[in-house]
């Protein structure tokens, strides 16, 4: 089978295994997802979800973040790690959203990555989850599992994104990436993938090679 055929099979199998493909970060509006995703770098989603309620209560909108200083934001996000850099980015992105984008979170990857601290992974997540456009979120689970599956041989996020964009059905790509996160936590764990109970084992390059 070619890569597009394999990708469709993987999409279908994960849809059956994980019917609810949802982002594990908790948010109620685009700005909150944008900030939560920035906080999630080198930090667990669970930790971010513990931190953001107090953060968003203290800074409820773009103006509140933009009119503050990084030093005011830092205590609220300290436990997320790299808090100084993240606080500076959050303050900077909100100033830019206010001054350049008229308080609107952009709906394209090209515009989103102009914001401080926003890379393609964050931008794709916002575009996919908020604006419901096709997106490929290349987080660590996605990169690792897609290499095991044989959907890509790259480990550089942007190259993996390009590879997956070429083989995944575009209307399924965003949910597929969410399901990879769930699968990576439950079955295809980093230290030792549980190939014997994996729903993808019959199409996975790694699992099939192990059987040989």
C-alpha atoms as a PDB file:
ATOM      1  CA  UNK A   1       0.000   0.000   0.000  1.00  0.00           C
ATOM      2  CA  UNK A   2       1.144   3.574  -0.552  1.00  0.00           C
ATOM      3  CA  UNK A   3       1.385   6.238   2.153  1.00  0.00           C
ATOM      4  CA  UNK A   4      -2.023   7.753   1.428  1.00  0.00           C
ATOM      5  CA  UNK A   5      -3.677   4.361   1.765  1.00  0.00           C
ATOM      6  CA  UNK A   6      -1.797   3.665   4.998  1.00  0.00           C
ATOM      7  CA  UNK A   7      -2.723   7.086   6.364  1.00  0.00           C
ATOM      8  CA  UNK A   8      -6.428   6.520   5.681  1.00  0.00           C
ATOM      9  CA  UNK A   9      -6.303   3.155   7.457  1.00  0.00           C
ATOM     10  CA  UNK A  10      -4.564   4.757  10.465  1.00  0.00           C
ATOM     11  CA  UNK A  11      -7.150   7.532  10.566  1.00  0.00           C
ATOM     12  CA  UNK A  12     -10.028   5.046  10.519  1.00  0.00           C
ATOM     13  CA  UNK A  13      -8.543   2.779  13.176  1.00  0.00           C
ATOM     14  CA  UNK A  14      -7.844   5.664  15.549  1.00  0.00           C
ATOM     15  CA  UNK A  15     -11.352   7.042  15.000  1.00  0.00           C
ATOM     16  CA  UNK A  16     -12.768   3.745  16.257  1.00  0.00           C
ATOM     17  CA  UNK A  17     -10.332   3.559  19.163  1.00  0.00           C
ATOM     18  CA  UNK A  18     -10.739   7.182  20.286  1.00  0.00           C
ATOM     19  CA  UNK A  19     -14.144   8.514  19.157  1.00  0.00           C
ATOM     20  CA  UNK A  20     -13.706  11.802  21.009  1.00  0.00           C
ATOM     21  CA  UNK A  21     -10.794  13.690  19.492  1.00  0.00           C
ATOM     22  CA  UNK A  22     -10.448  16.743  21.702  1.00  0.00           C
ATOM     23  CA  UNK A  23      -7.629  19.018  22.707  1.00  0.00           C
ATOM     24  CA  UNK A  24      -6.521  18.254  26.256  1.00  0.00           C
ATOM     25  CA  UNK A  25      -5.874  21.930  26.992  1.00  0.00           C
ATOM     26  CA  UNK A  26      -8.854  23.656  28.597  1.00  0.00           C
ATOM     27  CA  UNK A  27     -10.029  26.966  27.128  1.00  0.00           C
ATOM     28  CA  UNK A  28     -13.150  28.945  26.313  1.00  0.00           C
ATOM     29  CA  UNK A  29     -11.887  31.370  23.654  1.00  0.00           C
ATOM     30  CA  UNK A  30      -9.102  31.693  21.048  1.00  0.00           C
ATOM     31  CA  UNK A  31      -6.808  33.806  23.231  1.00  0.00           C
ATOM     32  CA  UNK A  32      -6.907  31.239  26.014  1.00  0.00           C
ATOM     33  CA  UNK A  33      -5.933  28.392  23.687  1.00  0.00           C
ATOM     34  CA  UNK A  34      -3.117  30.480  22.222  1.00  0.00           C
ATOM     35  CA  UNK A  35      -1.694  31.232  25.663  1.00  0.00           C
ATOM     36  CA  UNK A  36      -2.263  27.725  27.036  1.00  0.00           C
ATOM     37  CA  UNK A  37      -0.408  26.226  24.089  1.00  0.00           C
ATOM     38  CA  UNK A  38       2.540  28.559  24.665  1.00  0.00           C
ATOM     39  CA  UNK A  39       2.604  27.487  28.318  1.00  0.00           C
ATOM     40  CA  UNK A  40       2.523  23.813  27.317  1.00  0.00           C
ATOM     41  CA  UNK A  41       5.999  23.946  25.761  1.00  0.00           C
ATOM     42  CA  UNK A  42       8.229  21.667  27.880  1.00  0.00           C
ATOM     43  CA  UNK A  43       5.287  21.283  30.275  1.00  0.00           C
ATOM     44  CA  UNK A  44       2.397  18.860  30.626  1.00  0.00           C
ATOM     45  CA  UNK A  45      -1.117  19.813  29.569  1.00  0.00           C
ATOM     46  CA  UNK A  46      -2.320  18.753  33.009  1.00  0.00           C
ATOM     47  CA  UNK A  47      -0.034  21.282  34.687  1.00  0.00           C
ATOM     48  CA  UNK A  48      -1.127  24.022  32.283  1.00  0.00           C
ATOM     49  CA  UNK A  49      -4.776  23.288  33.071  1.00  0.00           C
ATOM     50  CA  UNK A  50      -3.997  23.729  36.759  1.00  0.00           C
ATOM     51  CA  UNK A  51      -2.367  27.108  36.147  1.00  0.00           C
ATOM     52  CA  UNK A  52      -4.643  28.804  33.630  1.00  0.00           C
ATOM     53  CA  UNK A  53      -7.815  29.356  35.742  1.00  0.00           C
ATOM     54  CA  UNK A  54      -6.039  31.767  38.084  1.00  0.00           C
ATOM     55  CA  UNK A  55      -4.086  33.289  35.193  1.00  0.00           C
ATOM     56  CA  UNK A  56      -7.204  34.031  33.149  1.00  0.00           C
ATOM     57  CA  UNK A  57      -9.071  35.329  36.171  1.00  0.00           C
ATOM     58  CA  UNK A  58      -6.286  37.841  36.819  1.00  0.00           C
ATOM     59  CA  UNK A  59      -5.835  38.671  33.114  1.00  0.00           C
ATOM     60  CA  UNK A  60      -9.278  38.172  31.505  1.00  0.00           C
ATOM     61  CA  UNK A  61      -8.593  39.671  28.072  1.00  0.00           C
ATOM     62  CA  UNK A  62      -6.008  40.984  25.621  1.00  0.00           C
ATOM     63  CA  UNK A  63      -5.896  44.429  27.229  1.00  0.00           C
ATOM     64  CA  UNK A  64      -5.236  42.989  30.682  1.00  0.00           C
ATOM     65  CA  UNK A  65      -2.246  41.012  29.394  1.00  0.00           C
ATOM     66  CA  UNK A  66      -0.983  43.813  27.132  1.00  0.00           C
ATOM     67  CA  UNK A  67      -1.183  46.465  29.855  1.00  0.00           C
ATOM     68  CA  UNK A  68       0.698  44.312  32.339  1.00  0.00           C
ATOM     69  CA  UNK A  69       4.401  43.476  32.434  1.00  0.00           C
ATOM     70  CA  UNK A  70       6.118  40.105  32.112  1.00  0.00           C
ATOM     71  CA  UNK A  71       7.039  40.385  35.772  1.00  0.00           C
ATOM     72  CA  UNK A  72       3.341  40.598  36.712  1.00  0.00           C
ATOM     73  CA  UNK A  73       2.536  37.484  34.676  1.00  0.00           C
ATOM     74  CA  UNK A  74       5.473  35.392  35.915  1.00  0.00           C
ATOM     75  CA  UNK A  75       4.104  34.357  39.357  1.00  0.00           C
ATOM     76  CA  UNK A  76       0.981  32.861  37.761  1.00  0.00           C
ATOM     77  CA  UNK A  77       2.919  30.613  35.380  1.00  0.00           C
ATOM     78  CA  UNK A  78       6.019  29.848  37.439  1.00  0.00           C
ATOM     79  CA  UNK A  79       5.270  26.116  37.745  1.00  0.00           C
ATOM     80  CA  UNK A  80       5.066  25.703  33.940  1.00  0.00           C
ATOM     81  CA  UNK A  81       8.825  26.124  33.552  1.00  0.00           C
ATOM     82  CA  UNK A  82      10.714  28.670  31.442  1.00  0.00           C
ATOM     83  CA  UNK A  83       8.320  31.151  33.010  1.00  0.00           C
ATOM     84  CA  UNK A  84      10.329  34.280  32.216  1.00  0.00           C
ATOM     85  CA  UNK A  85      10.463  33.584  28.475  1.00  0.00           C
ATOM     86  CA  UNK A  86       6.811  32.521  28.427  1.00  0.00           C
ATOM     87  CA  UNK A  87       5.661  35.608  30.337  1.00  0.00           C
ATOM     88  CA  UNK A  88       7.573  37.852  27.939  1.00  0.00           C
ATOM     89  CA  UNK A  89       6.015  36.108  24.934  1.00  0.00           C
ATOM     90  CA  UNK A  90       2.487  36.267  26.348  1.00  0.00           C
ATOM     91  CA  UNK A  91       2.824  39.976  27.077  1.00  0.00           C
ATOM     92  CA  UNK A  92       4.332  40.596  23.640  1.00  0.00           C
ATOM     93  CA  UNK A  93       1.756  38.578  21.712  1.00  0.00           C
ATOM     94  CA  UNK A  94      -1.119  40.372  23.418  1.00  0.00           C
ATOM     95  CA  UNK A  95       0.366  43.768  22.620  1.00  0.00           C
ATOM     96  CA  UNK A  96       0.675  42.681  18.999  1.00  0.00           C
ATOM     97  CA  UNK A  97      -2.887  41.309  18.941  1.00  0.00           C
ATOM     98  CA  UNK A  98      -4.108  44.670  20.223  1.00  0.00           C
ATOM     99  CA  UNK A  99      -1.950  46.959  18.113  1.00  0.00           C
ATOM    100  CA  UNK A 100      -1.655  45.059  14.815  1.00  0.00           C
ATOM    101  CA  UNK A 101      -4.571  42.631  14.678  1.00  0.00           C
ATOM    102  CA  UNK A 102      -7.364  44.720  16.223  1.00  0.00           C
ATOM    103  CA  UNK A 103      -7.912  42.213  19.076  1.00  0.00           C
ATOM    104  CA  UNK A 104      -8.512  39.301  16.693  1.00  0.00           C
ATOM    105  CA  UNK A 105      -6.471  36.091  16.910  1.00  0.00           C
ATOM    106  CA  UNK A 106      -5.353  35.434  13.288  1.00  0.00           C
ATOM    107  CA  UNK A 107      -6.832  32.471  11.453  1.00  0.00           C
ATOM    108  CA  UNK A 108      -3.795  31.478   9.371  1.00  0.00           C
ATOM    109  CA  UNK A 109      -0.523  29.821  10.278  1.00  0.00           C
ATOM    110  CA  UNK A 110       1.371  32.485   8.345  1.00  0.00           C
ATOM    111  CA  UNK A 111       0.005  35.305  10.499  1.00  0.00           C
ATOM    112  CA  UNK A 112       0.028  33.435  13.796  1.00  0.00           C
ATOM    113  CA  UNK A 113       3.745  32.632  13.616  1.00  0.00           C
ATOM    114  CA  UNK A 114       4.454  36.379  13.511  1.00  0.00           C
ATOM    115  CA  UNK A 115       3.360  36.555  17.151  1.00  0.00           C
ATOM    116  CA  UNK A 116       6.100  36.277  19.808  1.00  0.00           C
ATOM    117  CA  UNK A 117       6.647  32.700  20.950  1.00  0.00           C
ATOM    118  CA  UNK A 118       4.238  31.163  18.435  1.00  0.00           C
ATOM    119  CA  UNK A 119       5.652  28.382  16.288  1.00  0.00           C
ATOM    120  CA  UNK A 120       3.978  26.249  13.661  1.00  0.00           C
ATOM    121  CA  UNK A 121       2.741  23.676  16.189  1.00  0.00           C
ATOM    122  CA  UNK A 122       0.864  26.304  18.190  1.00  0.00           C
ATOM    123  CA  UNK A 123      -0.364  28.025  15.042  1.00  0.00           C
ATOM    124  CA  UNK A 124      -1.706  24.789  13.556  1.00  0.00           C
ATOM    125  CA  UNK A 125      -3.499  23.942  16.796  1.00  0.00           C
ATOM    126  CA  UNK A 126      -5.257  27.313  16.845  1.00  0.00           C
ATOM    127  CA  UNK A 127      -6.125  27.153  13.143  1.00  0.00           C
ATOM    128  CA  UNK A 128      -7.501  23.630  13.494  1.00  0.00           C
ATOM    129  CA  UNK A 129      -9.323  23.845  16.809  1.00  0.00           C
ATOM    130  CA  UNK A 130     -10.584  27.417  16.710  1.00  0.00           C
ATOM    131  CA  UNK A 131     -11.158  28.011  13.022  1.00  0.00           C
ATOM    132  CA  UNK A 132     -11.813  24.392  11.996  1.00  0.00           C
ATOM    133  CA  UNK A 133      -9.388  24.546   9.090  1.00  0.00           C
ATOM    134  CA  UNK A 134      -7.196  21.599   8.074  1.00  0.00           C
ATOM    135  CA  UNK A 135      -4.099  21.530  10.269  1.00  0.00           C
ATOM    136  CA  UNK A 136      -1.267  19.227  11.271  1.00  0.00           C
ATOM    137  CA  UNK A 137      -0.021  19.634  14.845  1.00  0.00           C
ATOM    138  CA  UNK A 138       3.425  18.060  15.013  1.00  0.00           C
ATOM    139  CA  UNK A 139       3.962  17.605  18.729  1.00  0.00           C
ATOM    140  CA  UNK A 140       6.280  14.949  20.177  1.00  0.00           C
ATOM    141  CA  UNK A 141       3.597  12.232  20.095  1.00  0.00           C
ATOM    142  CA  UNK A 142       2.814  12.947  16.447  1.00  0.00           C
ATOM    143  CA  UNK A 143       6.456  12.933  15.343  1.00  0.00           C
ATOM    144  CA  UNK A 144       7.365   9.791  17.259  1.00  0.00           C
ATOM    145  CA  UNK A 145       4.322   7.700  16.341  1.00  0.00           C
ATOM    146  CA  UNK A 146       4.293   8.730  12.685  1.00  0.00           C
ATOM    147  CA  UNK A 147       7.938   7.657  12.434  1.00  0.00           C
ATOM    148  CA  UNK A 148       7.068   4.293  13.957  1.00  0.00           C
ATOM    149  CA  UNK A 149       4.122   3.917  11.605  1.00  0.00           C
ATOM    150  CA  UNK A 150       6.256   4.781   8.603  1.00  0.00           C
ATOM    151  CA  UNK A 151       4.230   7.831   7.579  1.00  0.00           C
ATOM    152  CA  UNK A 152       7.405   9.929   7.736  1.00  0.00           C
ATOM    153  CA  UNK A 153      11.123   9.427   8.145  1.00  0.00           C
ATOM    154  CA  UNK A 154      11.695  12.968   9.363  1.00  0.00           C
ATOM    155  CA  UNK A 155      11.985  14.247  12.922  1.00  0.00           C
ATOM    156  CA  UNK A 156      12.080  17.986  12.171  1.00  0.00           C
ATOM    157  CA  UNK A 157       8.555  19.262  12.961  1.00  0.00           C
ATOM    158  CA  UNK A 158       8.089  21.307   9.788  1.00  0.00           C
ATOM    159  CA  UNK A 159       9.266  18.416   7.599  1.00  0.00           C
ATOM    160  CA  UNK A 160       6.931  16.015   9.415  1.00  0.00           C
ATOM    161  CA  UNK A 161       4.096  18.498   8.917  1.00  0.00           C
ATOM    162  CA  UNK A 162       4.832  18.578   5.173  1.00  0.00           C
ATOM    163  CA  UNK A 163       4.976  14.776   4.945  1.00  0.00           C
ATOM    164  CA  UNK A 164       1.675  14.337   6.766  1.00  0.00           C
ATOM    165  CA  UNK A 165       0.017  17.103   4.787  1.00  0.00           C
ATOM    166  CA  UNK A 166       0.792  15.128   1.644  1.00  0.00           C
ATOM    167  CA  UNK A 167      -0.675  11.821   2.829  1.00  0.00           C
ATOM    168  CA  UNK A 168      -3.463  12.593   5.329  1.00  0.00           C
ATOM    169  CA  UNK A 169      -7.037  13.406   4.291  1.00  0.00           C
ATOM    170  CA  UNK A 170      -7.117  17.145   5.015  1.00  0.00           C
ATOM    171  CA  UNK A 171     -10.533  17.069   6.652  1.00  0.00           C
ATOM    172  CA  UNK A 172      -9.261  14.447   9.112  1.00  0.00           C
ATOM    173  CA  UNK A 173      -5.796  15.803   9.860  1.00  0.00           C
ATOM    174  CA  UNK A 174      -6.504  17.862  12.967  1.00  0.00           C
ATOM    175  CA  UNK A 175      -8.476  15.150  14.762  1.00  0.00           C
ATOM    176  CA  UNK A 176      -5.876  12.583  13.721  1.00  0.00           C
ATOM    177  CA  UNK A 177      -3.200  14.559  15.555  1.00  0.00           C
ATOM    178  CA  UNK A 178      -5.357  14.794  18.695  1.00  0.00           C
ATOM    179  CA  UNK A 179      -5.888  11.039  18.585  1.00  0.00           C
ATOM    180  CA  UNK A 180      -2.143  10.459  18.280  1.00  0.00           C
ATOM    181  CA  UNK A 181      -1.703  12.260  21.606  1.00  0.00           C
ATOM    182  CA  UNK A 182      -4.296  10.009  23.249  1.00  0.00           C
ATOM    183  CA  UNK A 183      -2.718   6.935  21.667  1.00  0.00           C
ATOM    184  CA  UNK A 184       0.768   8.002  22.693  1.00  0.00           C
ATOM    185  CA  UNK A 185      -0.301   8.320  26.311  1.00  0.00           C
ATOM    186  CA  UNK A 186      -2.337   5.125  26.479  1.00  0.00           C
ATOM    187  CA  UNK A 187      -0.640   2.599  24.176  1.00  0.00           C
ATOM    188  CA  UNK A 188       2.250   3.804  22.033  1.00  0.00           C
ATOM    189  CA  UNK A 189       4.231   5.084  24.994  1.00  0.00           C
ATOM    190  CA  UNK A 190       7.699   6.449  24.388  1.00  0.00           C
ATOM    191  CA  UNK A 191       9.749   4.026  26.482  1.00  0.00           C
ATOM    192  CA  UNK A 192       8.093   0.828  25.290  1.00  0.00           C
ATOM    193  CA  UNK A 193       5.228   0.857  22.783  1.00  0.00           C
ATOM    194  CA  UNK A 194       2.573  -1.744  23.617  1.00  0.00           C
ATOM    195  CA  UNK A 195       2.486  -3.246  20.130  1.00  0.00           C
ATOM    196  CA  UNK A 196       0.658  -6.360  21.327  1.00  0.00           C
ATOM    197  CA  UNK A 197      -2.463  -4.341  22.152  1.00  0.00           C
ATOM    198  CA  UNK A 198      -2.117  -1.595  19.540  1.00  0.00           C
ATOM    199  CA  UNK A 199      -4.922  -1.090  17.042  1.00  0.00           C
ATOM    200  CA  UNK A 200      -2.365   0.016  14.453  1.00  0.00           C
ATOM    201  CA  UNK A 201       0.008  -2.932  14.771  1.00  0.00           C
ATOM    202  CA  UNK A 202      -1.025  -4.538  11.480  1.00  0.00           C
ATOM    203  CA  UNK A 203      -0.029  -1.436   9.490  1.00  0.00           C
ATOM    204  CA  UNK A 204       2.781  -0.096  11.698  1.00  0.00           C
ATOM    205  CA  UNK A 205       6.297  -0.396  10.302  1.00  0.00           C
ATOM    206  CA  UNK A 206       7.832  -0.721  13.765  1.00  0.00           C
ATOM    207  CA  UNK A 207       5.396  -3.414  14.941  1.00  0.00           C
ATOM    208  CA  UNK A 208       5.705  -5.403  11.717  1.00  0.00           C
ATOM    209  CA  UNK A 209       9.509  -5.258  11.849  1.00  0.00           C
ATOM    210  CA  UNK A 210       9.455  -6.512  15.432  1.00  0.00           C
ATOM    211  CA  UNK A 211       7.331  -9.489  14.407  1.00  0.00           C
ATOM    212  CA  UNK A 212       9.904 -10.386  11.764  1.00  0.00           C
END
